[in-house]
């Protein structure tokens, strides 16, 4: 867990921002699939929460969120 605490909070924010943009691109390319709304909503909420909390961010929960959204993205790509 020591390595997780060394990750800068902007790296988490960038990850969630990219997921939101991925969701927007997916919604534009595949308008009939609504799964991309999950990426847009979750990515935007997490992005703004990270910018709000900055250095007091719980990096373990942020890392867990990255893993969960990564799995959701993988599920969307496979289906």
N, C-alpha and C. Protein backbone atom coordinates (compact mmCIF):
# COMPACT_ATOMS: atom_id res chain seq x y z
N UNK A 1 0.81 -1.20 0.00
CA UNK A 1 0.00 0.00 0.00
C UNK A 1 0.86 1.27 0.00
N UNK A 2 2.12 1.11 0.33
CA UNK A 2 3.01 2.26 0.35
C UNK A 2 3.13 2.89 -1.04
N UNK A 3 3.18 2.05 -2.07
CA UNK A 3 3.32 2.57 -3.44
C UNK A 3 2.09 3.33 -3.89
N UNK A 4 0.91 2.90 -3.43
CA UNK A 4 -0.32 3.60 -3.80
C UNK A 4 -0.31 5.02 -3.26
N UNK A 5 0.23 5.22 -2.07
CA UNK A 5 0.27 6.55 -1.47
C UNK A 5 1.25 7.48 -2.18
N UNK A 6 2.13 6.95 -2.99
CA UNK A 6 3.08 7.78 -3.72
C UNK A 6 2.53 8.26 -5.07
N UNK A 7 1.38 7.72 -5.49
CA UNK A 7 0.78 8.13 -6.76
C UNK A 7 0.18 9.53 -6.59
N UNK A 8 0.52 10.48 -7.44
CA UNK A 8 -0.05 11.83 -7.30
C UNK A 8 -1.55 11.82 -7.62
N UNK A 9 -2.28 12.71 -6.95
CA UNK A 9 -3.72 12.73 -7.13
C UNK A 9 -4.11 13.12 -8.56
N UNK A 10 -3.27 13.87 -9.24
CA UNK A 10 -3.59 14.25 -10.62
C UNK A 10 -3.58 13.05 -11.56
N UNK A 11 -2.84 12.01 -11.22
CA UNK A 11 -2.85 10.79 -12.04
C UNK A 11 -4.22 10.13 -11.98
N UNK A 12 -4.81 10.09 -10.79
CA UNK A 12 -6.16 9.55 -10.66
C UNK A 12 -7.17 10.41 -11.42
N UNK A 13 -7.03 11.74 -11.29
CA UNK A 13 -7.94 12.64 -11.98
C UNK A 13 -7.85 12.47 -13.49
N UNK A 14 -6.64 12.34 -14.00
CA UNK A 14 -6.45 12.15 -15.44
C UNK A 14 -7.07 10.83 -15.91
N UNK A 15 -6.92 9.78 -15.10
CA UNK A 15 -7.50 8.48 -15.45
C UNK A 15 -9.02 8.59 -15.58
N UNK A 16 -9.67 9.23 -14.61
CA UNK A 16 -11.12 9.34 -14.66
C UNK A 16 -11.57 10.27 -15.79
N UNK A 17 -10.79 11.30 -16.08
CA UNK A 17 -11.13 12.18 -17.19
C UNK A 17 -11.06 11.43 -18.52
N UNK A 18 -10.03 10.61 -18.69
CA UNK A 18 -9.91 9.81 -19.92
C UNK A 18 -11.06 8.83 -20.03
N UNK A 19 -11.48 8.22 -18.92
CA UNK A 19 -12.63 7.31 -18.96
C UNK A 19 -13.90 8.04 -19.37
N UNK A 20 -14.07 9.26 -18.89
CA UNK A 20 -15.24 10.05 -19.28
C UNK A 20 -15.21 10.35 -20.78
N UNK A 21 -14.05 10.73 -21.28
CA UNK A 21 -13.93 11.01 -22.71
C UNK A 21 -14.14 9.75 -23.54
N UNK A 22 -13.67 8.61 -23.03
CA UNK A 22 -13.90 7.32 -23.70
C UNK A 22 -15.40 7.04 -23.77
N UNK A 23 -16.12 7.33 -22.69
CA UNK A 23 -17.56 7.14 -22.67
C UNK A 23 -18.27 8.05 -23.65
N UNK A 24 -17.83 9.29 -23.75
CA UNK A 24 -18.44 10.23 -24.70
C UNK A 24 -18.19 9.76 -26.13
N UNK A 25 -16.97 9.33 -26.42
CA UNK A 25 -16.66 8.82 -27.76
C UNK A 25 -17.49 7.58 -28.08
N UNK A 26 -17.63 6.70 -27.11
CA UNK A 26 -18.44 5.50 -27.32
C UNK A 26 -19.90 5.82 -27.54
N UNK A 27 -20.40 6.83 -26.83
CA UNK A 27 -21.80 7.23 -27.01
C UNK A 27 -22.02 7.85 -28.38
N UNK A 28 -21.04 8.57 -28.89
CA UNK A 28 -21.15 9.16 -30.22
C UNK A 28 -21.08 8.07 -31.29
N UNK A 29 -20.16 7.12 -31.12
CA UNK A 29 -19.99 6.08 -32.14
C UNK A 29 -21.09 5.02 -32.09
N UNK A 30 -21.57 4.71 -30.90
CA UNK A 30 -22.60 3.68 -30.73
C UNK A 30 -23.75 4.25 -29.91
N UNK A 31 -24.60 5.08 -30.52
CA UNK A 31 -25.67 5.74 -29.75
C UNK A 31 -26.72 4.78 -29.21
N UNK A 32 -26.80 3.58 -29.75
CA UNK A 32 -27.81 2.63 -29.27
C UNK A 32 -27.37 1.93 -27.99
N UNK A 33 -26.10 2.03 -27.64
CA UNK A 33 -25.59 1.37 -26.43
C UNK A 33 -25.49 2.40 -25.30
N UNK A 34 -26.24 2.16 -24.25
CA UNK A 34 -26.28 3.13 -23.16
C UNK A 34 -25.27 2.83 -22.05
N UNK A 35 -24.47 1.77 -22.20
CA UNK A 35 -23.50 1.45 -21.16
C UNK A 35 -22.44 2.54 -21.02
N UNK A 36 -22.24 3.30 -22.06
CA UNK A 36 -21.23 4.35 -22.02
C UNK A 36 -21.62 5.47 -21.06
N UNK A 37 -22.91 5.58 -20.77
CA UNK A 37 -23.34 6.59 -19.80
C UNK A 37 -22.76 6.32 -18.42
N UNK A 38 -22.55 5.03 -18.10
CA UNK A 38 -21.94 4.68 -16.81
C UNK A 38 -20.54 5.26 -16.73
N UNK A 39 -19.78 5.11 -17.81
CA UNK A 39 -18.41 5.65 -17.81
C UNK A 39 -18.41 7.16 -17.70
N UNK A 40 -19.31 7.81 -18.43
CA UNK A 40 -19.36 9.27 -18.39
C UNK A 40 -19.71 9.75 -16.99
N UNK A 41 -20.78 9.20 -16.42
CA UNK A 41 -21.23 9.65 -15.11
C UNK A 41 -20.20 9.35 -14.02
N UNK A 42 -19.76 8.10 -13.95
CA UNK A 42 -18.81 7.72 -12.90
C UNK A 42 -17.48 8.45 -13.06
N UNK A 43 -17.02 8.60 -14.29
CA UNK A 43 -15.76 9.30 -14.52
C UNK A 43 -15.83 10.77 -14.12
N UNK A 44 -16.92 11.44 -14.48
CA UNK A 44 -17.06 12.86 -14.13
C UNK A 44 -17.19 13.06 -12.62
N UNK A 45 -18.00 12.22 -11.98
CA UNK A 45 -18.16 12.35 -10.52
C UNK A 45 -16.82 12.13 -9.82
N UNK A 46 -16.12 11.08 -10.20
CA UNK A 46 -14.83 10.80 -9.56
C UNK A 46 -13.80 11.89 -9.87
N UNK A 47 -13.80 12.39 -11.09
CA UNK A 47 -12.86 13.45 -11.48
C UNK A 47 -13.05 14.69 -10.61
N UNK A 48 -14.29 15.13 -10.45
CA UNK A 48 -14.53 16.34 -9.67
C UNK A 48 -14.33 16.11 -8.17
N UNK A 49 -14.60 14.89 -7.68
CA UNK A 49 -14.32 14.59 -6.27
C UNK A 49 -12.82 14.63 -6.01
N UNK A 50 -12.04 14.11 -6.93
CA UNK A 50 -10.59 14.11 -6.74
C UNK A 50 -10.06 15.54 -6.75
N UNK A 51 -10.57 16.38 -7.64
CA UNK A 51 -10.12 17.77 -7.66
C UNK A 51 -10.55 18.50 -6.40
N UNK A 52 -11.66 18.10 -5.81
CA UNK A 52 -12.14 18.74 -4.58
C UNK A 52 -11.27 18.36 -3.39
N UNK A 53 -10.93 17.07 -3.26
CA UNK A 53 -10.20 16.61 -2.08
C UNK A 53 -8.69 16.74 -2.21
N UNK A 54 -8.17 16.74 -3.39
CA UNK A 54 -6.74 16.87 -3.69
C UNK A 54 -5.87 16.01 -2.79
N UNK A 55 -5.06 16.63 -1.96
CA UNK A 55 -4.07 15.88 -1.18
C UNK A 55 -4.69 15.04 -0.07
N UNK A 56 -5.91 15.35 0.37
CA UNK A 56 -6.54 14.53 1.41
C UNK A 56 -7.29 13.34 0.80
N UNK A 57 -7.02 13.07 -0.46
CA UNK A 57 -7.66 11.96 -1.17
C UNK A 57 -7.25 10.62 -0.56
N UNK A 58 -8.23 9.76 -0.35
CA UNK A 58 -7.94 8.39 0.10
C UNK A 58 -7.52 7.61 -1.14
N UNK A 59 -6.24 7.43 -1.30
CA UNK A 59 -5.71 6.83 -2.52
C UNK A 59 -6.07 5.36 -2.66
N UNK A 60 -6.29 4.67 -1.55
CA UNK A 60 -6.67 3.26 -1.63
C UNK A 60 -8.06 3.12 -2.25
N UNK A 61 -8.99 3.99 -1.84
CA UNK A 61 -10.33 3.95 -2.43
C UNK A 61 -10.29 4.41 -3.88
N UNK A 62 -9.46 5.40 -4.17
CA UNK A 62 -9.34 5.87 -5.55
C UNK A 62 -8.77 4.78 -6.45
N UNK A 63 -7.80 4.03 -5.94
CA UNK A 63 -7.22 2.93 -6.71
C UNK A 63 -8.25 1.83 -6.93
N UNK A 64 -9.05 1.53 -5.91
CA UNK A 64 -10.11 0.54 -6.04
C UNK A 64 -11.14 1.00 -7.08
N UNK A 65 -11.46 2.29 -7.07
CA UNK A 65 -12.38 2.83 -8.07
C UNK A 65 -11.83 2.71 -9.48
N UNK A 66 -10.52 2.94 -9.63
CA UNK A 66 -9.88 2.78 -10.94
C UNK A 66 -10.01 1.35 -11.43
N UNK A 67 -9.81 0.40 -10.52
CA UNK A 67 -9.91 -1.02 -10.90
C UNK A 67 -11.34 -1.38 -11.30
N UNK A 68 -12.31 -0.90 -10.54
CA UNK A 68 -13.72 -1.21 -10.84
C UNK A 68 -14.12 -0.62 -12.17
N UNK A 69 -13.79 0.64 -12.41
CA UNK A 69 -14.14 1.26 -13.69
C UNK A 69 -13.38 0.63 -14.85
N UNK A 70 -12.17 0.17 -14.59
CA UNK A 70 -11.43 -0.55 -15.62
C UNK A 70 -12.12 -1.85 -16.00
N UNK A 71 -12.64 -2.57 -15.00
CA UNK A 71 -13.39 -3.80 -15.27
C UNK A 71 -14.69 -3.52 -16.02
N UNK A 72 -15.36 -2.44 -15.65
CA UNK A 72 -16.59 -2.06 -16.37
C UNK A 72 -16.26 -1.74 -17.82
N UNK A 73 -15.17 -1.01 -18.04
CA UNK A 73 -14.76 -0.69 -19.41
C UNK A 73 -14.45 -1.95 -20.19
N UNK A 74 -13.77 -2.89 -19.56
CA UNK A 74 -13.47 -4.16 -20.22
C UNK A 74 -14.75 -4.91 -20.57
N UNK A 75 -15.72 -4.91 -19.66
CA UNK A 75 -17.00 -5.56 -19.92
C UNK A 75 -17.72 -4.91 -21.11
N UNK A 76 -17.67 -3.58 -21.18
CA UNK A 76 -18.32 -2.87 -22.29
C UNK A 76 -17.64 -3.21 -23.60
N UNK A 77 -16.32 -3.29 -23.60
CA UNK A 77 -15.60 -3.61 -24.83
C UNK A 77 -15.86 -5.04 -25.30
N UNK A 78 -16.00 -5.97 -24.36
CA UNK A 78 -16.22 -7.37 -24.72
C UNK A 78 -17.63 -7.58 -25.25
N UNK A 79 -18.62 -6.92 -24.63
CA UNK A 79 -20.02 -7.15 -25.04
C UNK A 79 -20.40 -6.42 -26.29
